[in-house]
Amino acid sequence: MTPEAFLNFSVEAGFVLLVISVLLALVRLAQGPSLPDRVVALDMMTVAIVSFCGLVAIRVGQNAFLDVAMVLALVGFLATVALARFAERRLVRQNGDEGPSS
């Protein structure tokens, strides 16, 4: 097996595994059962889509897809932090506790 054939096989296998992981995360996102489960599923989908951009960059040989992946990773990180903050405030309101003021 040549290195090019092995790389093509690895990229194809990566695409298949990423599709499976996004589908499984979508099921977790839909079923829940709790908000933290949904946040983790959304974060997992973001990581899978960033990986997809990396595989596309390898496949087509364009470095621009790596820039897209980096921006998407940063936006996904900020979204995860915002959702975690929302979940924390929601929990504080439900329990009636006095949390840190901000």
PDB file of N, CA and C in Angstrom:
ATOM      1  N   MET A   1       0.852  -1.171   0.000  1.00  0.00           N
ATOM      2  CA  MET A   1       0.000   0.000   0.000  1.00  0.00           C
ATOM      3  C   MET A   1       0.904   1.243   0.000  1.00  0.00           C
ATOM      4  N   THR A   2       0.619   2.138  -0.916  1.00  0.00           N
ATOM      5  CA  THR A   2       1.427   3.356  -1.027  1.00  0.00           C
ATOM      6  C   THR A   2       1.016   4.364   0.044  1.00  0.00           C
ATOM      7  N   PRO A   3       1.866   5.304   0.359  1.00  0.00           N
ATOM      8  CA  PRO A   3       1.501   6.329   1.346  1.00  0.00           C
ATOM      9  C   PRO A   3       0.275   7.141   0.934  1.00  0.00           C
ATOM     10  N   GLU A   4       0.133   7.428  -0.356  1.00  0.00           N
ATOM     11  CA  GLU A   4      -1.032   8.181  -0.826  1.00  0.00           C
ATOM     12  C   GLU A   4      -2.314   7.384  -0.630  1.00  0.00           C
ATOM     13  N   ALA A   5      -2.263   6.087  -0.917  1.00  0.00           N
ATOM     14  CA  ALA A   5      -3.443   5.240  -0.732  1.00  0.00           C
ATOM     15  C   ALA A   5      -3.806   5.136   0.747  1.00  0.00           C
ATOM     16  N   PHE A   6      -2.786   5.028   1.595  1.00  0.00           N
ATOM     17  CA  PHE A   6      -3.050   4.962   3.035  1.00  0.00           C
ATOM     18  C   PHE A   6      -3.657   6.261   3.545  1.00  0.00           C
ATOM     19  N   LEU A   7      -3.153   7.405   3.055  1.00  0.00           N
ATOM     20  CA  LEU A   7      -3.708   8.693   3.455  1.00  0.00           C
ATOM     21  C   LEU A   7      -5.158   8.827   2.997  1.00  0.00           C
ATOM     22  N   ASN A   8      -5.440   8.414   1.774  1.00  0.00           N
ATOM     23  CA  ASN A   8      -6.821   8.465   1.273  1.00  0.00           C
ATOM     24  C   ASN A   8      -7.737   7.579   2.095  1.00  0.00           C
ATOM     25  N   PHE A   9      -7.286   6.392   2.429  1.00  0.00           N
ATOM     26  CA  PHE A   9      -8.088   5.491   3.255  1.00  0.00           C
ATOM     27  C   PHE A   9      -8.329   6.092   4.632  1.00  0.00           C
ATOM     28  N   SER A  10      -7.289   6.680   5.222  1.00  0.00           N
ATOM     29  CA  SER A  10      -7.417   7.266   6.556  1.00  0.00           C
ATOM     30  C   SER A  10      -8.378   8.446   6.565  1.00  0.00           C
ATOM     31  N   VAL A  11      -8.320   9.271   5.535  1.00  0.00           N
ATOM     32  CA  VAL A  11      -9.231  10.416   5.451  1.00  0.00           C
ATOM     33  C   VAL A  11     -10.665   9.941   5.274  1.00  0.00           C
ATOM     34  N   GLU A  12     -10.871   8.951   4.426  1.00  0.00           N
ATOM     35  CA  GLU A  12     -12.225   8.415   4.230  1.00  0.00           C
ATOM     36  C   GLU A  12     -12.772   7.798   5.524  1.00  0.00           C
ATOM     37  N   ALA A  13     -11.929   7.039   6.218  1.00  0.00           N
ATOM     38  CA  ALA A  13     -12.355   6.450   7.491  1.00  0.00           C
ATOM     39  C   ALA A  13     -12.652   7.549   8.507  1.00  0.00           C
ATOM     40  N   GLY A  14     -11.871   8.605   8.492  1.00  0.00           N
ATOM     41  CA  GLY A  14     -12.117   9.733   9.387  1.00  0.00           C
ATOM     42  C   GLY A  14     -13.453  10.394   9.106  1.00  0.00           C
ATOM     43  N   PHE A  15     -13.793  10.573   7.832  1.00  0.00           N
ATOM     44  CA  PHE A  15     -15.091  11.145   7.483  1.00  0.00           C
ATOM     45  C   PHE A  15     -16.238  10.278   7.999  1.00  0.00           C
ATOM     46  N   VAL A  16     -16.119   8.973   7.816  1.00  0.00           N
ATOM     47  CA  VAL A  16     -17.176   8.062   8.278  1.00  0.00           C
ATOM     48  C   VAL A  16     -17.325   8.144   9.799  1.00  0.00           C
ATOM     49  N   LEU A  17     -16.210   8.121  10.504  1.00  0.00           N
ATOM     50  CA  LEU A  17     -16.270   8.174  11.968  1.00  0.00           C
ATOM     51  C   LEU A  17     -16.803   9.515  12.460  1.00  0.00           C
ATOM     52  N   LEU A  18     -16.475  10.593  11.777  1.00  0.00           N
ATOM     53  CA  LEU A  18     -16.997  11.903  12.176  1.00  0.00           C
ATOM     54  C   LEU A  18     -18.502  12.000  11.954  1.00  0.00           C
ATOM     55  N   VAL A  19     -18.990  11.448  10.872  1.00  0.00           N
ATOM     56  CA  VAL A  19     -20.436  11.450  10.638  1.00  0.00           C
ATOM     57  C   VAL A  19     -21.144  10.666  11.732  1.00  0.00           C
ATOM     58  N   ILE A  20     -20.581   9.528  12.106  1.00  0.00           N
ATOM     59  CA  ILE A  20     -21.180   8.727  13.179  1.00  0.00           C
ATOM     60  C   ILE A  20     -21.174   9.501  14.494  1.00  0.00           C
ATOM     61  N   SER A  21     -20.062  10.180  14.797  1.00  0.00           N
ATOM     62  CA  SER A  21     -19.990  10.918  16.058  1.00  0.00           C
ATOM     63  C   SER A  21     -20.964  12.090  16.078  1.00  0.00           C
ATOM     64  N   VAL A  22     -21.143  12.780  14.949  1.00  0.00           N
ATOM     65  CA  VAL A  22     -22.100  13.882  14.905  1.00  0.00           C
ATOM     66  C   VAL A  22     -23.523  13.354  15.078  1.00  0.00           C
ATOM     67  N   LEU A  23     -23.833  12.227  14.472  1.00  0.00           N
ATOM     68  CA  LEU A  23     -25.171  11.650  14.629  1.00  0.00           C
ATOM     69  C   LEU A  23     -25.437  11.231  16.071  1.00  0.00           C
ATOM     70  N   LEU A  24     -24.449  10.619  16.713  1.00  0.00           N
ATOM     71  CA  LEU A  24     -24.622  10.228  18.111  1.00  0.00           C
ATOM     72  C   LEU A  24     -24.764  11.448  19.018  1.00  0.00           C
ATOM     73  N   ALA A  25     -24.005  12.493  18.737  1.00  0.00           N
ATOM     74  CA  ALA A  25     -24.135  13.721  19.525  1.00  0.00           C
ATOM     75  C   ALA A  25     -25.490  14.377  19.285  1.00  0.00           C
ATOM     76  N   LEU A  26     -25.996  14.284  18.064  1.00  0.00           N
ATOM     77  CA  LEU A  26     -27.312  14.833  17.770  1.00  0.00           C
ATOM     78  C   LEU A  26     -28.400  14.099  18.551  1.00  0.00           C
ATOM     79  N   VAL A  27     -28.257  12.795  18.671  1.00  0.00           N
ATOM     80  CA  VAL A  27     -29.215  12.017  19.477  1.00  0.00           C
ATOM     81  C   VAL A  27     -29.150  12.468  20.931  1.00  0.00           C
ATOM     82  N   ARG A  28     -27.942  12.641  21.474  1.00  0.00           N
ATOM     83  CA  ARG A  28     -27.792  13.089  22.859  1.00  0.00           C
ATOM     84  C   ARG A  28     -28.348  14.502  23.028  1.00  0.00           C
ATOM     85  N   LEU A  29     -28.148  15.349  22.024  1.00  0.00           N
ATOM     86  CA  LEU A  29     -28.665  16.712  22.078  1.00  0.00           C
ATOM     87  C   LEU A  29     -30.190  16.713  22.111  1.00  0.00           C
ATOM     88  N   ALA A  30     -30.802  15.827  21.354  1.00  0.00           N
ATOM     89  CA  ALA A  30     -32.265  15.775  21.304  1.00  0.00           C
ATOM     90  C   ALA A  30     -32.862  15.129  22.555  1.00  0.00           C
ATOM     91  N   GLN A  31     -32.224  14.074  23.069  1.00  0.00           N
ATOM     92  CA  GLN A  31     -32.786  13.336  24.195  1.00  0.00           C
ATOM     93  C   GLN A  31     -32.474  13.961  25.540  1.00  0.00           C
ATOM     94  N   GLY A  32     -31.353  14.614  25.653  1.00  0.00           N
ATOM     95  CA  GLY A  32     -30.988  15.222  26.943  1.00  0.00           C
ATOM     96  C   GLY A  32     -30.373  14.213  27.869  1.00  0.00           C
ATOM     97  N   PRO A  33     -30.854  13.996  29.039  1.00  0.00           N
ATOM     98  CA  PRO A  33     -32.084  14.497  29.651  1.00  0.00           C
ATOM     99  C   PRO A  33     -31.909  15.844  30.340  1.00  0.00           C
ATOM    100  N   SER A  34     -30.678  16.292  30.560  1.00  0.00           N
ATOM    101  CA  SER A  34     -30.500  17.540  31.294  1.00  0.00           C
ATOM    102  C   SER A  34     -29.766  18.555  30.418  1.00  0.00           C
ATOM    103  N   LEU A  35     -29.760  19.792  30.879  1.00  0.00           N
ATOM    104  CA  LEU A  35     -29.078  20.853  30.148  1.00  0.00           C
ATOM    105  C   LEU A  35     -27.576  20.596  30.022  1.00  0.00           C
ATOM    106  N   PRO A  36     -26.882  20.165  31.081  1.00  0.00           N
ATOM    107  CA  PRO A  36     -25.451  19.870  30.900  1.00  0.00           C
ATOM    108  C   PRO A  36     -25.181  18.790  29.850  1.00  0.00           C
ATOM    109  N   ASP A  37     -26.049  17.777  29.754  1.00  0.00           N
ATOM    110  CA  ASP A  37     -25.888  16.762  28.708  1.00  0.00           C
ATOM    111  C   ASP A  37     -25.983  17.389  27.322  1.00  0.00           C
ATOM    112  N   ARG A  38     -26.914  18.297  27.160  1.00  0.00           N
ATOM    113  CA  ARG A  38     -27.086  18.953  25.869  1.00  0.00           C
ATOM    114  C   ARG A  38     -25.902  19.860  25.540  1.00  0.00           C
ATOM    115  N   VAL A  39     -25.368  20.546  26.542  1.00  0.00           N
ATOM    116  CA  VAL A  39     -24.214  21.416  26.319  1.00  0.00           C
ATOM    117  C   VAL A  39     -23.006  20.590  25.894  1.00  0.00           C
ATOM    118  N   VAL A  40     -22.782  19.466  26.552  1.00  0.00           N
ATOM    119  CA  VAL A  40     -21.657  18.602  26.187  1.00  0.00           C
ATOM    120  C   VAL A  40     -21.841  18.036  24.778  1.00  0.00           C
ATOM    121  N   ALA A  41     -23.067  17.665  24.424  1.00  0.00           N
ATOM    122  CA  ALA A  41     -23.333  17.152  23.082  1.00  0.00           C
ATOM    123  C   ALA A  41     -23.072  18.231  22.026  1.00  0.00           C
ATOM    124  N   LEU A  42     -23.473  19.455  22.318  1.00  0.00           N
ATOM    125  CA  LEU A  42     -23.229  20.543  21.383  1.00  0.00           C
ATOM    126  C   LEU A  42     -21.741  20.816  21.234  1.00  0.00           C
ATOM    127  N   ASP A  43     -21.010  20.742  22.333  1.00  0.00           N
ATOM    128  CA  ASP A  43     -19.563  20.926  22.285  1.00  0.00           C
ATOM    129  C   ASP A  43     -18.901  19.799  21.493  1.00  0.00           C
ATOM    130  N   MET A  44     -19.405  18.595  21.660  1.00  0.00           N
ATOM    131  CA  MET A  44     -18.853  17.461  20.910  1.00  0.00           C
ATOM    132  C   MET A  44     -19.106  17.627  19.409  1.00  0.00           C
ATOM    133  N   MET A  45     -20.270  18.138  19.064  1.00  0.00           N
ATOM    134  CA  MET A  45     -20.567  18.371  17.656  1.00  0.00           C
ATOM    135  C   MET A  45     -19.644  19.442  17.076  1.00  0.00           C
ATOM    136  N   THR A  46     -19.348  20.464  17.870  1.00  0.00           N
ATOM    137  CA  THR A  46     -18.435  21.508  17.415  1.00  0.00           C
ATOM    138  C   THR A  46     -17.048  20.939  17.159  1.00  0.00           C
ATOM    139  N   VAL A  47     -16.565  20.111  18.074  1.00  0.00           N
ATOM    140  CA  VAL A  47     -15.246  19.496  17.894  1.00  0.00           C
ATOM    141  C   VAL A  47     -15.236  18.599  16.650  1.00  0.00           C
ATOM    142  N   ALA A  48     -16.314  17.868  16.426  1.00  0.00           N
ATOM    143  CA  ALA A  48     -16.389  17.000  15.252  1.00  0.00           C
ATOM    144  C   ALA A  48     -16.396  17.821  13.960  1.00  0.00           C
ATOM    145  N   ILE A  49     -17.075  18.952  13.973  1.00  0.00           N
ATOM    146  CA  ILE A  49     -17.119  19.784  12.772  1.00  0.00           C
ATOM    147  C   ILE A  49     -15.762  20.446  12.522  1.00  0.00           C
ATOM    148  N   VAL A  50     -15.063  20.822  13.587  1.00  0.00           N
ATOM    149  CA  VAL A  50     -13.697  21.341  13.429  1.00  0.00           C
ATOM    150  C   VAL A  50     -12.801  20.255  12.829  1.00  0.00           C
ATOM    151  N   SER A  51     -12.947  19.029  13.297  1.00  0.00           N
ATOM    152  CA  SER A  51     -12.180  17.913  12.743  1.00  0.00           C
ATOM    153  C   SER A  51     -12.530  17.679  11.276  1.00  0.00           C
ATOM    154  N   PHE A  52     -13.805  17.844  10.945  1.00  0.00           N
ATOM    155  CA  PHE A  52     -14.247  17.703   9.561  1.00  0.00           C
ATOM    156  C   PHE A  52     -13.545  18.729   8.674  1.00  0.00           C
ATOM    157  N   CYS A  53     -13.451  19.973   9.162  1.00  0.00           N
ATOM    158  CA  CYS A  53     -12.740  21.012   8.402  1.00  0.00           C
ATOM    159  C   CYS A  53     -11.272  20.626   8.204  1.00  0.00           C
ATOM    160  N   GLY A  54     -10.659  20.030   9.214  1.00  0.00           N
ATOM    161  CA  GLY A  54      -9.280  19.580   9.086  1.00  0.00           C
ATOM    162  C   GLY A  54      -9.130  18.488   8.043  1.00  0.00           C
ATOM    163  N   LEU A  55     -10.064  17.557   8.041  1.00  0.00           N
ATOM    164  CA  LEU A  55     -10.007  16.488   7.035  1.00  0.00           C
ATOM    165  C   LEU A  55     -10.230  17.025   5.625  1.00  0.00           C
ATOM    166  N   VAL A  56     -11.126  17.991   5.492  1.00  0.00           N
ATOM    167  CA  VAL A  56     -11.352  18.592   4.178  1.00  0.00           C
ATOM    168  C   VAL A  56     -10.090  19.315   3.711  1.00  0.00           C
ATOM    169  N   ALA A  57      -9.396  19.984   4.648  1.00  0.00           N
ATOM    170  CA  ALA A  57      -8.147  20.667   4.291  1.00  0.00           C
ATOM    171  C   ALA A  57      -7.112  19.671   3.783  1.00  0.00           C
ATOM    172  N   ILE A  58      -7.041  18.511   4.410  1.00  0.00           N
ATOM    173  CA  ILE A  58      -6.115  17.476   3.946  1.00  0.00           C
ATOM    174  C   ILE A  58      -6.536  16.955   2.579  1.00  0.00           C
ATOM    175  N   ARG A  59      -7.832  16.720   2.419  1.00  0.00           N
ATOM    176  CA  ARG A  59      -8.358  16.131   1.190  1.00  0.00           C
ATOM    177  C   ARG A  59      -8.130  17.021  -0.019  1.00  0.00           C
ATOM    178  N   VAL A  60      -8.460  18.333   0.113  1.00  0.00           N
ATOM    179  CA  VAL A  60      -8.372  19.219  -1.049  1.00  0.00           C
ATOM    180  C   VAL A  60      -7.062  19.992  -1.104  1.00  0.00           C
ATOM    181  N   GLY A  61      -6.279  19.954  -0.036  1.00  0.00           N
ATOM    182  CA  GLY A  61      -4.993  20.627  -0.026  1.00  0.00           C
ATOM    183  C   GLY A  61      -5.075  22.139   0.100  1.00  0.00           C
ATOM    184  N   GLN A  62      -6.135  22.637   0.718  1.00  0.00           N
ATOM    185  CA  GLN A  62      -6.317  24.074   0.912  1.00  0.00           C
ATOM    186  C   GLN A  62      -6.159  24.419   2.387  1.00  0.00           C
ATOM    187  N   ASN A  63      -5.220  25.310   2.698  1.00  0.00           N
ATOM    188  CA  ASN A  63      -5.004  25.707   4.085  1.00  0.00           C
ATOM    189  C   ASN A  63      -6.103  26.622   4.615  1.00  0.00           C
ATOM    190  N   ALA A  64      -6.931  27.178   3.739  1.00  0.00           N
ATOM    191  CA  ALA A  64      -8.001  28.076   4.174  1.00  0.00           C
ATOM    192  C   ALA A  64      -8.988  27.352   5.083  1.00  0.00           C
ATOM    193  N   PHE A  65      -9.167  26.066   4.887  1.00  0.00           N
ATOM    194  CA  PHE A  65     -10.082  25.309   5.741  1.00  0.00           C
ATOM    195  C   PHE A  65      -9.561  25.212   7.172  1.00  0.00           C
ATOM    196  N   LEU A  66      -8.252  25.297   7.341  1.00  0.00           N
ATOM    197  CA  LEU A  66      -7.689  25.291   8.694  1.00  0.00           C
ATOM    198  C   LEU A  66      -8.011  26.595   9.416  1.00  0.00           C
ATOM    199  N   ASP A  67      -8.052  27.705   8.678  1.00  0.00           N
ATOM    200  CA  ASP A  67      -8.472  28.969   9.275  1.00  0.00           C
ATOM    201  C   ASP A  67      -9.930  28.911   9.708  1.00  0.00           C
ATOM    202  N   VAL A  68     -10.761  28.312   8.867  1.00  0.00           N
ATOM    203  CA  VAL A  68     -12.171  28.143   9.212  1.00  0.00           C
ATOM    204  C   VAL A  68     -12.300  27.277  10.459  1.00  0.00           C
ATOM    205  N   ALA A  69     -11.517  26.222  10.540  1.00  0.00           N
ATOM    206  CA  ALA A  69     -11.561  25.338  11.704  1.00  0.00           C
ATOM    207  C   ALA A  69     -11.149  26.072  12.966  1.00  0.00           C
ATOM    208  N   MET A  70     -10.131  26.920  12.871  1.00  0.00           N
ATOM    209  CA  MET A  70      -9.670  27.656  14.042  1.00  0.00           C
ATOM    210  C   MET A  70     -10.734  28.633  14.526  1.00  0.00           C
ATOM    211  N   VAL A  71     -11.355  29.358  13.610  1.00  0.00           N
ATOM    212  CA  VAL A  71     -12.409  30.303  13.989  1.00  0.00           C
ATOM    213  C   VAL A  71     -13.597  29.558  14.590  1.00  0.00           C
ATOM    214  N   LEU A  72     -13.970  28.441  13.995  1.00  0.00           N
ATOM    215  CA  LEU A  72     -15.081  27.657  14.516  1.00  0.00           C
ATOM    216  C   LEU A  72     -14.768  27.106  15.906  1.00  0.00           C
ATOM    217  N   ALA A  73     -13.540  26.706  16.137  1.00  0.00           N
ATOM    218  CA  ALA A  73     -13.154  26.218  17.460  1.00  0.00           C
ATOM    219  C   ALA A  73     -13.252  27.327  18.506  1.00  0.00           C
ATOM    220  N   LEU A  74     -12.830  28.536  18.149  1.00  0.00           N
ATOM    221  CA  LEU A  74     -12.930  29.658  19.084  1.00  0.00           C
ATOM    222  C   LEU A  74     -14.388  30.011  19.377  1.00  0.00           C
ATOM    223  N   VAL A  75     -15.206  30.043  18.353  1.00  0.00           N
ATOM    224  CA  VAL A  75     -16.629  30.343  18.551  1.00  0.00           C
ATOM    225  C   VAL A  75     -17.292  29.242  19.373  1.00  0.00           C
ATOM    226  N   GLY A  76     -16.940  27.988  19.116  1.00  0.00           N
ATOM    227  CA  GLY A  76     -17.492  26.874  19.891  1.00  0.00           C
ATOM    228  C   GLY A  76     -17.084  26.947  21.348  1.00  0.00           C
ATOM    229  N   PHE A  77     -15.845  27.346  21.617  1.00  0.00           N
ATOM    230  CA  PHE A  77     -15.389  27.499  22.992  1.00  0.00           C
ATOM    231  C   PHE A  77     -16.176  28.591  23.701  1.00  0.00           C
ATOM    232  N   LEU A  78     -16.342  29.739  23.045  1.00  0.00           N
ATOM    233  CA  LEU A  78     -17.099  30.829  23.651  1.00  0.00           C
ATOM    234  C   LEU A  78     -18.557  30.441  23.883  1.00  0.00           C
ATOM    235  N   ALA A  79     -19.140  29.695  22.962  1.00  0.00           N
ATOM    236  CA  ALA A  79     -20.523  29.248  23.137  1.00  0.00           C
ATOM    237  C   ALA A  79     -20.640  28.291  24.315  1.00  0.00           C
ATOM    238  N   THR A  80     -19.674  27.406  24.476  1.00  0.00           N
ATOM    239  CA  THR A  80     -19.698  26.468  25.593  1.00  0.00           C
ATOM    240  C   THR A  80     -19.566  27.209  26.922  1.00  0.00           C
ATOM    241  N   VAL A  81     -18.688  28.195  26.975  1.00  0.00           N
ATOM    242  CA  VAL A  81     -18.537  28.979  28.202  1.00  0.00           C
ATOM    243  C   VAL A  81     -19.823  29.736  28.507  1.00  0.00           C
ATOM    244  N   ALA A  82     -20.443  30.320  27.490  1.00  0.00           N
ATOM    245  CA  ALA A  82     -21.684  31.059  27.704  1.00  0.00           C
ATOM    246  C   ALA A  82     -22.808  30.141  28.173  1.00  0.00           C
ATOM    247  N   LEU A  83     -22.910  28.969  27.587  1.00  0.00           N
ATOM    248  CA  LEU A  83     -23.951  28.027  28.009  1.00  0.00           C
ATOM    249  C   LEU A  83     -23.690  27.503  29.421  1.00  0.00           C
ATOM    250  N   ALA A  84     -22.434  27.300  29.776  1.00  0.00           N
ATOM    251  CA  ALA A  84     -22.116  26.862  31.137  1.00  0.00           C
ATOM    252  C   ALA A  84     -22.471  27.947  32.140  1.00  0.00           C
ATOM    253  N   ARG A  85     -22.205  29.185  31.785  1.00  0.00           N
ATOM    254  CA  ARG A  85     -22.568  30.314  32.661  1.00  0.00           C
ATOM    255  C   ARG A  85     -24.082  30.404  32.813  1.00  0.00           C
ATOM    256  N   PHE A  86     -24.808  30.217  31.715  1.00  0.00           N
ATOM    257  CA  PHE A  86     -26.268  30.224  31.760  1.00  0.00           C
ATOM    258  C   PHE A  86     -26.785  29.109  32.663  1.00  0.00           C
ATOM    259  N   ALA A  87     -26.210  27.919  32.522  1.00  0.00           N
ATOM    260  CA  ALA A  87     -26.650  26.782  33.340  1.00  0.00           C
ATOM    261  C   ALA A  87     -26.362  27.035  34.813  1.00  0.00           C
ATOM    262  N   GLU A  88     -25.219  27.654  35.103  1.00  0.00           N
ATOM    263  CA  GLU A  88     -24.875  27.960  36.490  1.00  0.00           C
ATOM    264  C   GLU A  88     -25.860  28.952  37.089  1.00  0.00           C
ATOM    265  N   ARG A  89     -26.181  29.997  36.366  1.00  0.00           N
ATOM    266  CA  ARG A  89     -27.140  30.993  36.872  1.00  0.00           C
ATOM    267  C   ARG A  89     -28.523  30.389  37.038  1.00  0.00           C
ATOM    268  N   ARG A  90     -28.894  29.519  36.139  1.00  0.00           N
ATOM    269  CA  ARG A  90     -30.199  28.860  36.236  1.00  0.00           C
ATOM    270  C   ARG A  90     -30.268  27.984  37.477  1.00  0.00           C
ATOM    271  N   LEU A  91     -29.179  27.270  37.763  1.00  0.00           N
ATOM    272  CA  LEU A  91     -29.131  26.420  38.944  1.00  0.00           C
ATOM    273  C   LEU A  91     -29.181  27.253  40.214  1.00  0.00           C
ATOM    274  N   VAL A  92     -28.486  28.383  40.224  1.00  0.00           N
ATOM    275  CA  VAL A  92     -28.499  29.260  41.394  1.00  0.00           C
ATOM    276  C   VAL A  92     -29.900  29.798  41.629  1.00  0.00           C
ATOM    277  N   ARG A  93     -30.606  30.189  40.576  1.00  0.00           N
ATOM    278  CA  ARG A  93     -31.975  30.687  40.719  1.00  0.00           C
ATOM    279  C   ARG A  93     -32.919  29.605  41.213  1.00  0.00           C
ATOM    280  N   GLN A  94     -32.740  28.372  40.749  1.00  0.00           N
ATOM    281  CA  GLN A  94     -33.616  27.281  41.174  1.00  0.00           C
ATOM    282  C   GLN A  94     -33.416  26.942  42.641  1.00  0.00           C
ATOM    283  N   ASN A  95     -32.179  26.974  43.091  1.00  0.00           N
ATOM    284  CA  ASN A  95     -31.881  26.626  44.489  1.00  0.00           C
ATOM    285  C   ASN A  95     -32.071  27.793  45.439  1.00  0.00           C
ATOM    286  N   GLY A  96     -32.144  28.990  44.908  1.00  0.00           N
ATOM    287  CA  GLY A  96     -32.300  30.156  45.745  1.00  0.00           C
ATOM    288  C   GLY A  96     -31.042  30.531  46.492  1.00  0.00           C
ATOM    289  N   ASP A  97     -29.908  29.993  46.081  1.00  0.00           N
ATOM    290  CA  ASP A  97     -28.645  30.293  46.729  1.00  0.00           C
ATOM    291  C   ASP A  97     -28.129  31.658  46.307  1.00  0.00           C
ATOM    292  N   GLU A  98     -27.298  32.220  47.134  1.00  0.00           N
ATOM    293  CA  GLU A  98     -26.614  33.455  46.791  1.00  0.00           C
ATOM    294  C   GLU A  98     -25.288  33.096  46.153  1.00  0.00           C
ATOM    295  N   GLY A  99     -25.166  33.289  44.879  1.00  0.00           N
ATOM    296  CA  GLY A  99     -23.929  32.991  44.195  1.00  0.00           C
ATOM    297  C   GLY A  99     -23.074  34.236  44.098  1.00  0.00           C
ATOM    298  N   PRO A 100     -21.971  34.132  43.400  1.00  0.00           N
ATOM    299  CA  PRO A 100     -21.124  35.306  43.214  1.00  0.00           C
ATOM    300  C   PRO A 100     -21.878  36.361  42.399  1.00  0.00           C
ATOM    301  N   SER A 101     -21.769  37.583  42.826  1.00  0.00           N
ATOM    302  CA  SER A 101     -22.505  38.646  42.126  1.00  0.00           C
ATOM    303  C   SER A 101     -21.718  39.120  40.911  1.00  0.00           C
ATOM    304  N   SER A 102     -22.382  39.053  39.753  1.00  0.00           N
ATOM    305  CA  SER A 102     -21.825  39.598  38.516  1.00  0.00           C
ATOM    306  C   SER A 102     -22.845  39.540  37.425  1.00  0.00           C
TER     307      SER A 102
END
